[in-house]
Amino acid sequence: MKIPLVSAFLMMVFAWVGFSAEAEPWPQWRGVRRDATINDPSLVRELPAGPVERRWSVPVGPGYSGPTVAEGRVYLTDRQGEESDVVERVLCFDAADGRLVWKHEDPVLYKIGYQASGPRAAVTIHEGKAISAGGMGRLNCLDAATGDLVWSRDLNADYEIRMPVWGITAAPLVYRDLVIQITGGKGDACVVAFDLNSGEERWRSLDERA
């Protein structure tokens, strides 16, 4: 049964209601097929009466990325700190009990007008890699199991992004051996493709804003 899903923006508390080892994963923005559906015959057709049992809950900081799920782990981004002392985090939780498996932190200075600043893009999971895009254009490729950094790019420094008021929101898209990212950069760099394994630029296209 295919059921369309609506992604929710998360701010302060992330609660995972249920998880099955046999369930279809949700490894990227809008799911496996990027069409906001999940194909899982075990999904219930009707909610039970009364409150739905909450398996676990963990506090997180401000942010707008929806969770992604793969290989028994849940990935989310958030922001910690205020003003000049701010970091964006990529978080990895155990999907069964909410235990923090690893976290990756990057300092960030927000230069956007939108006051509730925080990372926007969902973390993309692909063949053991976790690829994240921060609100000001920090693109990271991490080991999905350990959080070790594989490569990193400062897109704002590299491409002089004509930054939208809300920052970078597009989730990284993996196609074959490429990571394709909307940057809105100058010099025909609205869309840039990077080598999945090295982070080196493979091509760029379009002289447009994000």
Protein backbone atom coordinates (compact mmCIF):
# COMPACT_ATOMS: atom_id res chain seq x y z
CA MET A 1 0.00 0.00 0.00
CA LYS A 2 1.39 3.42 -0.98
CA ILE A 3 0.44 6.19 1.41
CA PRO A 4 1.39 9.83 0.72
CA LEU A 5 3.14 11.50 3.63
CA VAL A 6 3.43 15.14 4.62
CA SER A 7 6.79 16.21 6.11
CA ALA A 8 6.71 18.32 9.27
CA PHE A 9 9.10 21.04 10.38
CA LEU A 10 10.74 20.23 13.73
CA MET A 11 11.92 22.86 16.20
CA MET A 12 12.50 21.72 19.78
CA VAL A 13 11.52 18.07 20.32
CA PHE A 14 11.91 15.10 17.98
CA ALA A 15 9.64 12.13 18.77
CA TRP A 16 9.75 8.89 16.76
CA VAL A 17 6.47 7.06 17.17
CA GLY A 18 7.40 3.67 15.77
CA PHE A 19 10.06 1.81 13.85
CA SER A 20 10.22 -1.60 12.26
CA ALA A 21 13.40 -3.22 10.95
CA GLU A 22 11.40 -4.38 7.92
CA ALA A 23 9.88 -0.97 7.18
CA GLU A 24 10.88 0.92 4.06
CA PRO A 25 13.58 3.49 4.87
CA TRP A 26 13.21 7.25 4.43
CA PRO A 27 16.79 8.10 3.40
CA GLN A 28 16.23 11.48 1.76
CA TRP A 29 13.82 14.39 1.34
CA ARG A 30 10.44 12.95 0.19
CA GLY A 31 11.51 9.32 0.64
CA VAL A 32 13.07 6.55 -1.40
CA ARG A 33 11.41 7.52 -4.70
CA ARG A 34 11.40 11.28 -3.94
CA ASP A 35 7.62 11.32 -4.34
CA ALA A 36 6.48 11.65 -0.68
CA THR A 37 5.13 8.08 -0.53
CA ILE A 38 6.15 5.06 1.50
CA ASN A 39 5.53 1.49 0.35
CA ASP A 40 5.11 -0.55 3.52
CA PRO A 41 2.38 -3.20 3.92
CA SER A 42 2.75 -3.10 7.72
CA LEU A 43 1.44 0.48 7.98
CA VAL A 44 -1.82 0.71 9.89
CA ARG A 45 -4.88 1.94 8.02
CA GLU A 46 -6.52 3.48 11.08
CA LEU A 47 -5.02 4.96 14.24
CA PRO A 48 -6.01 3.25 17.50
CA ALA A 49 -8.32 4.97 19.93
CA GLY A 50 -6.60 7.19 22.47
CA PRO A 51 -3.05 8.52 22.49
CA VAL A 52 -0.48 6.86 20.22
CA GLU A 53 2.38 5.39 22.21
CA ARG A 54 5.57 7.40 21.94
CA ARG A 55 8.65 5.20 21.81
CA TRP A 56 11.15 7.94 22.65
CA SER A 57 11.76 11.66 22.60
CA VAL A 58 14.94 13.75 22.64
CA PRO A 59 15.40 17.53 22.89
CA VAL A 60 17.04 19.26 19.91
CA GLY A 61 17.71 22.87 19.01
CA PRO A 62 16.03 25.10 16.42
CA GLY A 63 15.99 23.92 12.82
CA TYR A 64 13.70 23.05 9.94
CA SER A 65 14.97 19.79 8.48
CA GLY A 66 12.71 16.76 8.45
CA PRO A 67 14.20 13.50 9.78
CA THR A 68 15.62 10.87 7.46
CA VAL A 69 15.86 7.17 8.37
CA ALA A 70 18.21 4.45 7.10
CA GLU A 71 19.90 1.33 8.47
CA GLY A 72 18.26 1.65 11.90
CA ARG A 73 19.38 5.26 12.39
CA VAL A 74 17.58 8.62 12.33
CA TYR A 75 19.30 11.78 11.06
CA LEU A 76 18.38 15.38 11.85
CA THR A 77 20.05 18.81 11.91
CA ASP A 78 19.74 21.64 14.43
CA ARG A 79 21.36 24.82 15.73
CA GLN A 80 22.99 25.42 19.11
CA GLY A 81 24.11 28.74 20.62
CA GLU A 82 23.29 32.37 19.96
CA GLU A 83 24.69 35.36 18.03
CA SER A 84 28.44 34.91 17.33
CA ASP A 85 28.75 31.61 19.21
CA VAL A 86 26.61 29.34 17.02
CA VAL A 87 27.12 25.86 15.63
CA GLU A 88 25.01 23.80 13.26
CA ARG A 89 24.83 20.11 14.11
CA VAL A 90 24.17 16.94 12.16
CA LEU A 91 22.72 14.41 14.61
CA CYS A 92 22.42 10.64 14.32
CA PHE A 93 20.11 8.70 16.67
CA ASP A 94 19.42 5.02 17.16
CA ALA A 95 15.94 4.53 15.70
CA ALA A 96 15.00 1.94 18.32
CA ASP A 97 15.61 3.94 21.50
CA GLY A 98 16.67 7.49 20.56
CA ARG A 99 20.24 7.08 21.81
CA LEU A 100 22.62 9.61 20.26
CA VAL A 101 25.01 7.64 18.05
CA TRP A 102 27.12 10.58 16.86
CA LYS A 103 27.04 14.31 16.16
CA HIS A 104 28.98 16.60 13.85
CA GLU A 105 29.32 20.34 14.55
CA ASP A 106 30.28 23.30 12.35
CA PRO A 107 30.55 26.93 13.51
CA VAL A 108 28.28 29.23 11.51
CA LEU A 109 27.66 32.96 11.26
CA TYR A 110 24.17 33.68 9.96
CA LYS A 111 24.00 36.59 7.53
CA ILE A 112 20.37 36.21 6.60
CA GLY A 113 17.35 38.25 7.62
CA TYR A 114 15.11 35.44 8.77
CA GLN A 115 15.23 35.53 12.58
CA ALA A 116 14.58 31.87 13.44
CA SER A 117 17.82 30.81 11.81
CA GLY A 118 18.79 27.16 11.70
CA PRO A 119 19.66 24.47 9.16
CA ARG A 120 16.88 23.74 6.68
CA ALA A 121 17.80 20.79 4.46
CA ALA A 122 17.14 17.14 5.25
CA VAL A 123 20.22 14.90 5.51
CA THR A 124 20.58 12.64 2.46
CA ILE A 125 21.73 9.06 3.17
CA HIS A 126 23.30 7.13 0.29
CA GLU A 127 25.45 3.98 0.34
CA GLY A 128 26.92 4.59 3.79
CA LYS A 129 27.31 8.35 3.43
CA ALA A 130 25.33 11.13 5.15
CA ILE A 131 25.32 14.35 3.12
CA SER A 132 24.12 17.56 4.74
CA ALA A 133 23.73 21.18 3.62
CA GLY A 134 23.82 23.89 6.28
CA GLY A 135 21.80 27.11 6.28
CA MET A 136 24.78 29.21 5.13
CA GLY A 137 26.07 26.68 2.60
CA ARG A 138 28.33 24.26 4.49
CA LEU A 139 28.12 21.01 2.49
CA ASN A 140 29.36 17.96 4.40
CA CYS A 141 29.76 14.33 3.43
CA LEU A 142 29.98 12.16 6.55
CA ASP A 143 30.28 8.47 7.26
CA ALA A 144 26.67 7.57 8.04
CA ALA A 145 27.63 5.00 10.69
CA THR A 146 30.37 6.90 12.55
CA GLY A 147 29.98 10.59 11.68
CA ASP A 148 33.58 10.79 10.46
CA LEU A 149 34.09 13.57 7.91
CA VAL A 150 34.69 12.31 4.36
CA TRP A 151 34.82 15.75 2.73
CA SER A 152 33.44 19.25 3.22
CA ARG A 153 32.80 22.34 1.06
CA ASP A 154 32.08 25.94 2.05
CA LEU A 155 29.73 26.78 -0.82
CA ASN A 156 29.36 30.41 0.20
CA ALA A 157 33.12 30.95 0.03
CA ASP A 158 33.56 28.90 -3.14
CA TYR A 159 30.66 30.31 -5.17
CA GLU A 160 29.73 33.70 -3.62
CA ILE A 161 26.14 32.68 -3.03
CA ARG A 162 23.46 35.31 -3.64
CA MET A 163 21.99 34.18 -0.34
CA PRO A 164 18.20 33.99 -0.02
CA VAL A 165 16.76 35.64 3.09
CA TRP A 166 16.02 32.18 4.51
CA GLY A 167 19.41 30.68 3.62
CA ILE A 168 20.09 27.41 1.81
CA THR A 169 17.12 25.05 1.98
CA ALA A 170 17.60 22.47 -0.80
CA ALA A 171 18.57 18.97 0.31
CA PRO A 172 21.52 17.35 -1.50
CA LEU A 173 20.47 15.08 -4.37
CA VAL A 174 22.59 12.02 -5.16
CA TYR A 175 22.56 10.83 -8.76
CA ARG A 176 24.96 7.99 -9.58
CA ASP A 177 28.37 9.25 -8.38
CA LEU A 178 27.34 12.89 -8.07
CA VAL A 179 26.02 15.10 -5.27
CA ILE A 180 23.89 17.80 -6.91
CA GLN A 181 23.26 20.92 -4.85
CA ILE A 182 21.33 24.15 -5.42
CA THR A 183 23.68 26.97 -4.38
CA GLY A 184 22.57 30.13 -6.16
CA GLY A 185 26.24 30.97 -6.65
CA LYS A 186 27.75 33.42 -9.12
CA GLY A 187 29.51 32.37 -12.30
CA ASP A 188 26.91 29.95 -13.69
CA ALA A 189 26.83 28.13 -10.34
CA CYS A 190 23.15 28.07 -9.41
CA VAL A 191 23.35 24.26 -9.59
CA VAL A 192 26.64 22.49 -8.87
CA ALA A 193 27.53 18.78 -9.03
CA PHE A 194 30.26 17.36 -6.81
CA ASP A 195 32.04 14.03 -6.90
CA LEU A 196 30.36 11.82 -4.28
CA ASN A 197 33.66 10.38 -3.03
CA SER A 198 35.97 13.39 -3.16
CA GLY A 199 33.79 16.52 -3.10
CA GLU A 200 35.51 17.91 -6.19
CA GLU A 201 33.36 19.95 -8.56
CA ARG A 202 32.28 18.00 -11.65
CA TRP A 203 30.05 20.58 -13.31
CA ARG A 204 28.06 23.76 -12.72
CA SER A 205 25.08 25.30 -14.52
CA LEU A 206 22.73 28.31 -14.71
CA ASP A 207 23.42 31.93 -13.82
CA GLU A 208 20.38 32.32 -11.59
CA ARG A 209 19.52 32.90 -7.96
CA ALA A 210 18.56 29.93 -5.80
